[in-house]
Each structure stands twice: as C-alpha cells, then as structure tokens.
Amino acid sequence: MPAKSKAQQKAAGAALAAKRGDIKKSELKGASKDMEKSMSEGELKEMASTKRKGKPEHVSKSD
C-alpha cells in the first residue's frame, strides 16, 4: 500500500529503520512506533519507497 502523505512516508521509513536495527526502537514516536509493531518489513519498505512528489504533507484522519 503506497503512502498517502509525506508524513506517512517518513513515519514508514523510520519504522523500517528500527525494524532493520539501524535505529533503536525506543527512539520511535507516534505513528512510526505503531507501524513498526503492526507492519511487516515488506509493507514498510513499500510504503517508505512511495514517491513523494505531489503528496500532501498530511492527510486528514477521515480519508
């Protein structure tokens, strides 16, 4: 599933880095912490690699 916003893409990238051991899991906050726990490495990789051009910075929760 591709990221819907730049913020979601950044959070997925941080979660992926923690899952791979590049950063400590304790450094994660908010959405990235939840993503790391609930998504597989493949799902995170797909979301983190989404093209950012044309994406809004944030998407409302109702979307």
N, C-alpha and C. Protein backbone atom coordinates (compact mmCIF):
# COMPACT_ATOMS: atom_id res chain seq x y z
N MET A 1 0.84 -1.17 0.00
CA MET A 1 0.00 0.00 0.00
C MET A 1 0.89 1.24 0.00
N PRO A 2 0.71 2.11 -0.95
CA PRO A 2 1.54 3.31 -1.00
C PRO A 2 1.13 4.33 0.06
N ALA A 3 2.07 5.15 0.47
CA ALA A 3 1.79 6.20 1.45
C ALA A 3 0.86 7.24 0.85
N LYS A 4 -0.02 7.80 1.68
CA LYS A 4 -0.96 8.81 1.21
C LYS A 4 -0.44 10.22 1.45
N SER A 5 0.61 10.37 2.26
CA SER A 5 1.16 11.69 2.54
C SER A 5 2.66 11.59 2.80
N LYS A 6 3.31 12.74 2.78
CA LYS A 6 4.75 12.78 3.07
C LYS A 6 5.01 12.34 4.50
N ALA A 7 4.16 12.76 5.42
CA ALA A 7 4.34 12.40 6.83
C ALA A 7 4.24 10.89 7.03
N GLN A 8 3.30 10.25 6.34
CA GLN A 8 3.14 8.80 6.45
C GLN A 8 4.36 8.09 5.86
N GLN A 9 4.89 8.61 4.77
CA GLN A 9 6.07 8.02 4.15
C GLN A 9 7.28 8.14 5.06
N LYS A 10 7.44 9.28 5.72
CA LYS A 10 8.56 9.48 6.65
C LYS A 10 8.43 8.53 7.86
N ALA A 11 7.22 8.39 8.38
CA ALA A 11 7.00 7.50 9.53
C ALA A 11 7.31 6.06 9.15
N ALA A 12 6.93 5.66 7.96
CA ALA A 12 7.22 4.29 7.50
C ALA A 12 8.72 4.09 7.37
N GLY A 13 9.43 5.09 6.90
CA GLY A 13 10.89 5.00 6.78
C GLY A 13 11.56 4.84 8.13
N ALA A 14 11.09 5.58 9.13
CA ALA A 14 11.64 5.47 10.47
C ALA A 14 11.35 4.10 11.07
N ALA A 15 10.12 3.61 10.88
CA ALA A 15 9.74 2.29 11.38
C ALA A 15 10.57 1.19 10.71
N LEU A 16 10.81 1.34 9.42
CA LEU A 16 11.61 0.36 8.69
C LEU A 16 13.05 0.35 9.22
N ALA A 17 13.60 1.51 9.47
CA ALA A 17 14.96 1.60 10.01
C ALA A 17 15.05 0.91 11.36
N ALA A 18 14.04 1.07 12.20
CA ALA A 18 14.03 0.42 13.51
C ALA A 18 13.88 -1.09 13.37
N LYS A 19 13.03 -1.51 12.46
CA LYS A 19 12.82 -2.95 12.26
C LYS A 19 14.10 -3.62 11.78
N ARG A 20 14.88 -2.90 10.97
CA ARG A 20 16.14 -3.43 10.46
C ARG A 20 17.29 -3.30 11.47
N GLY A 21 17.07 -2.56 12.55
CA GLY A 21 18.10 -2.39 13.56
C GLY A 21 19.02 -1.22 13.32
N ASP A 22 18.69 -0.35 12.36
CA ASP A 22 19.52 0.81 12.06
C ASP A 22 19.39 1.89 13.14
N ILE A 23 18.21 1.97 13.75
CA ILE A 23 17.99 2.87 14.89
C ILE A 23 17.31 2.08 15.99
N LYS A 24 17.35 2.60 17.21
CA LYS A 24 16.73 1.91 18.34
C LYS A 24 15.22 2.08 18.29
N LYS A 25 14.50 1.02 18.62
CA LYS A 25 13.04 1.08 18.64
C LYS A 25 12.55 2.10 19.66
N SER A 26 13.33 2.33 20.71
CA SER A 26 12.95 3.29 21.74
C SER A 26 12.98 4.73 21.23
N GLU A 27 13.61 4.97 20.09
CA GLU A 27 13.67 6.31 19.51
C GLU A 27 12.41 6.65 18.71
N LEU A 28 11.58 5.65 18.42
CA LEU A 28 10.37 5.88 17.63
C LEU A 28 9.29 6.56 18.47
N LYS A 29 8.47 7.37 17.80
CA LYS A 29 7.36 8.05 18.46
C LYS A 29 6.12 7.94 17.57
N GLY A 30 4.96 8.05 18.16
CA GLY A 30 3.71 8.15 17.42
C GLY A 30 3.46 7.06 16.41
N ALA A 31 3.13 7.50 15.19
CA ALA A 31 2.73 6.58 14.12
C ALA A 31 3.84 5.60 13.76
N SER A 32 5.08 6.06 13.76
CA SER A 32 6.17 5.15 13.38
C SER A 32 6.31 4.01 14.38
N LYS A 33 6.05 4.28 15.65
CA LYS A 33 6.11 3.24 16.68
C LYS A 33 5.02 2.19 16.44
N ASP A 34 3.83 2.65 16.12
CA ASP A 34 2.71 1.74 15.83
C ASP A 34 2.97 0.94 14.55
N MET A 35 3.51 1.61 13.54
CA MET A 35 3.80 0.93 12.27
C MET A 35 4.83 -0.17 12.46
N GLU A 36 5.86 0.10 13.24
CA GLU A 36 6.93 -0.88 13.46
C GLU A 36 6.37 -2.15 14.07
N LYS A 37 5.41 -2.00 14.98
CA LYS A 37 4.82 -3.15 15.66
C LYS A 37 3.84 -3.92 14.77
N SER A 38 3.09 -3.21 13.94
CA SER A 38 1.97 -3.84 13.25
C SER A 38 2.22 -4.21 11.79
N MET A 39 3.31 -3.74 11.19
CA MET A 39 3.53 -3.98 9.77
C MET A 39 4.79 -4.81 9.55
N SER A 40 4.79 -5.57 8.46
CA SER A 40 5.97 -6.36 8.11
C SER A 40 7.02 -5.47 7.46
N GLU A 41 8.24 -5.98 7.36
CA GLU A 41 9.32 -5.22 6.72
C GLU A 41 8.97 -4.90 5.26
N GLY A 42 8.37 -5.85 4.58
CA GLY A 42 7.97 -5.64 3.19
C GLY A 42 6.94 -4.54 3.03
N GLU A 43 5.94 -4.53 3.92
CA GLU A 43 4.91 -3.49 3.87
C GLU A 43 5.52 -2.12 4.14
N LEU A 44 6.41 -2.06 5.12
CA LEU A 44 7.06 -0.79 5.45
C LEU A 44 7.93 -0.31 4.30
N LYS A 45 8.64 -1.25 3.67
CA LYS A 45 9.51 -0.89 2.55
C LYS A 45 8.68 -0.31 1.40
N GLU A 46 7.55 -0.94 1.11
CA GLU A 46 6.68 -0.45 0.04
C GLU A 46 6.15 0.95 0.35
N MET A 47 5.74 1.17 1.58
CA MET A 47 5.20 2.47 1.96
C MET A 47 6.30 3.54 1.99
N ALA A 48 7.46 3.19 2.49
CA ALA A 48 8.56 4.14 2.60
C ALA A 48 9.13 4.52 1.24
N SER A 49 9.00 3.64 0.26
CA SER A 49 9.57 3.92 -1.06
C SER A 49 8.60 4.64 -1.99
N THR A 50 7.43 5.01 -1.49
CA THR A 50 6.45 5.75 -2.28
C THR A 50 7.05 7.08 -2.74
N LYS A 51 6.80 7.45 -3.98
CA LYS A 51 7.26 8.74 -4.49
C LYS A 51 6.57 9.86 -3.72
N ARG A 52 7.33 10.90 -3.35
CA ARG A 52 6.78 11.98 -2.54
C ARG A 52 6.23 13.13 -3.37
N LYS A 53 6.61 13.21 -4.63
CA LYS A 53 6.17 14.33 -5.45
C LYS A 53 4.65 14.32 -5.59
N GLY A 54 4.05 15.46 -5.30
CA GLY A 54 2.60 15.60 -5.42
C GLY A 54 1.81 15.13 -4.22
N LYS A 55 2.48 14.60 -3.21
CA LYS A 55 1.79 14.15 -2.00
C LYS A 55 1.60 15.33 -1.05
N PRO A 56 0.47 15.39 -0.35
CA PRO A 56 0.31 16.44 0.67
C PRO A 56 1.19 16.12 1.88
N GLU A 57 1.52 17.14 2.66
CA GLU A 57 2.34 16.91 3.86
C GLU A 57 1.59 16.01 4.84
N HIS A 58 0.30 16.26 5.03
CA HIS A 58 -0.53 15.46 5.94
C HIS A 58 -1.86 15.18 5.27
N VAL A 59 -2.52 14.11 5.71
CA VAL A 59 -3.84 13.76 5.25
C VAL A 59 -4.74 13.70 6.47
N SER A 60 -5.95 14.22 6.36
CA SER A 60 -6.85 14.19 7.50
C SER A 60 -7.21 12.75 7.84
N LYS A 61 -7.53 12.48 9.10
CA LYS A 61 -7.82 11.12 9.56
C LYS A 61 -9.09 10.56 8.95
N SER A 62 -9.97 11.40 8.45
CA SER A 62 -11.21 10.90 7.88
C SER A 62 -11.04 10.33 6.48
N ASP A 63 -9.87 10.52 5.85
CA ASP A 63 -9.62 10.00 4.50
C ASP A 63 -9.36 8.53 4.51
